[in-house]
Amino acid sequence: CDVDYEAAAEEWRKNALGKVKETLSSGNEAEIVQLPVGQAAASHSQYNKQNPYTATLLTSQKITGRDSGKDVRHIEIDLDGSGLTY
């Protein structure tokens, strides 16, 4: 998974919005349909990639077999007081 995607995503967004604007301004009339949608609760966290929350590790339990060459773990972290939910 690429973690440094912001620049590529911003370029894609600008290109996509440019195409949408071009299509909408072409003079083609389209029927506008408004569908009922629910209001999603706004969720803004003070923590993000640039300002991560430092959590306490509660559990790090190996869940692969004793003879396995892999080390897969069940991890639990303490998010109390962070306002984060998972």
Protein backbone atom coordinates (compact mmCIF):
# COMPACT_ATOMS: atom_id res chain seq x y z
CA CYS A 1 0.00 0.00 0.00
CA ASP A 2 1.43 3.36 -1.03
CA VAL A 3 1.36 5.72 1.94
CA ASP A 4 2.62 8.83 0.10
CA TYR A 5 -0.35 9.31 -2.20
CA GLU A 6 -1.30 12.95 -1.55
CA ALA A 7 0.49 14.51 -4.55
CA ALA A 8 -0.79 11.89 -7.01
CA ALA A 9 -4.31 12.13 -5.56
CA GLU A 10 -4.30 15.92 -5.83
CA GLU A 11 -3.21 15.75 -9.49
CA TRP A 12 -5.91 13.14 -10.22
CA ARG A 13 -8.54 15.28 -8.45
CA LYS A 14 -7.63 18.38 -10.49
CA ASN A 15 -7.75 16.42 -13.75
CA ALA A 16 -11.05 14.75 -12.84
CA LEU A 17 -12.69 18.02 -11.81
CA GLY A 18 -11.42 19.66 -14.99
CA LYS A 19 -13.08 16.94 -17.07
CA VAL A 20 -16.31 17.29 -15.10
CA LYS A 21 -16.31 21.07 -15.59
CA GLU A 22 -15.60 20.62 -19.32
CA THR A 23 -18.45 18.14 -19.66
CA LEU A 24 -20.91 20.29 -17.73
CA SER A 25 -20.07 23.44 -19.69
CA SER A 26 -20.42 21.71 -23.09
CA GLY A 27 -24.05 22.82 -23.40
CA ASN A 28 -25.51 19.35 -23.08
CA GLU A 29 -28.60 19.53 -20.94
CA ALA A 30 -29.00 16.76 -18.44
CA GLU A 31 -31.86 15.89 -16.15
CA ILE A 32 -31.02 16.67 -12.55
CA VAL A 33 -32.27 14.06 -10.12
CA GLN A 34 -32.03 14.60 -6.39
CA LEU A 35 -32.14 11.47 -4.29
CA PRO A 36 -32.91 11.47 -0.57
CA VAL A 37 -29.79 10.88 1.46
CA GLY A 38 -29.11 10.66 5.16
CA GLN A 39 -26.90 13.17 6.87
CA ALA A 40 -23.62 11.63 7.94
CA ALA A 41 -22.29 12.78 11.26
CA ALA A 42 -19.27 14.99 10.83
CA SER A 43 -16.22 13.45 12.38
CA HIS A 44 -13.07 15.50 12.69
CA SER A 45 -10.13 14.24 14.66
CA GLN A 46 -7.19 16.23 15.87
CA TYR A 47 -5.03 13.23 14.99
CA ASN A 48 -3.86 12.44 11.46
CA LYS A 49 -0.84 11.25 9.49
CA GLN A 50 1.12 14.38 10.36
CA ASN A 51 -0.08 14.46 14.00
CA PRO A 52 -0.52 10.81 15.09
CA TYR A 53 -1.96 9.70 18.41
CA THR A 54 0.57 7.88 20.58
CA ALA A 55 -1.31 4.85 21.89
CA THR A 56 -0.30 2.28 24.49
CA LEU A 57 0.17 -1.29 23.24
CA LEU A 58 -2.09 -3.57 25.30
CA THR A 59 -1.62 -6.91 23.52
CA SER A 60 0.76 -8.34 20.94
CA GLN A 61 -0.10 -12.03 20.68
CA LYS A 62 1.39 -14.30 18.02
CA ILE A 63 -1.43 -16.13 16.24
CA THR A 64 0.60 -18.29 13.85
CA GLY A 65 1.72 -21.78 14.76
CA ARG A 66 4.95 -22.52 16.60
CA ASP A 67 6.54 -24.04 13.49
CA SER A 68 5.37 -21.29 11.13
CA GLY A 69 7.93 -19.19 9.31
CA LYS A 70 5.55 -16.24 9.51
CA ASP A 71 4.98 -13.96 12.48
CA VAL A 72 1.33 -12.84 12.34
CA ARG A 73 0.04 -11.08 15.45
CA HIS A 74 -3.18 -9.98 17.10
CA ILE A 75 -2.58 -6.40 18.26
CA GLU A 76 -4.67 -4.37 20.72
CA ILE A 77 -4.02 -0.70 21.45
CA ASP A 78 -5.51 1.61 24.07
CA LEU A 79 -7.47 4.48 22.48
CA ASP A 80 -9.10 5.71 25.72
CA GLY A 81 -9.10 9.47 25.93
CA SER A 82 -8.19 9.93 22.27
CA GLY A 83 -11.70 10.40 20.92
CA LEU A 84 -10.83 7.81 18.26
CA THR A 85 -13.05 4.79 17.64
CA TYR A 86 -12.18 1.59 15.84
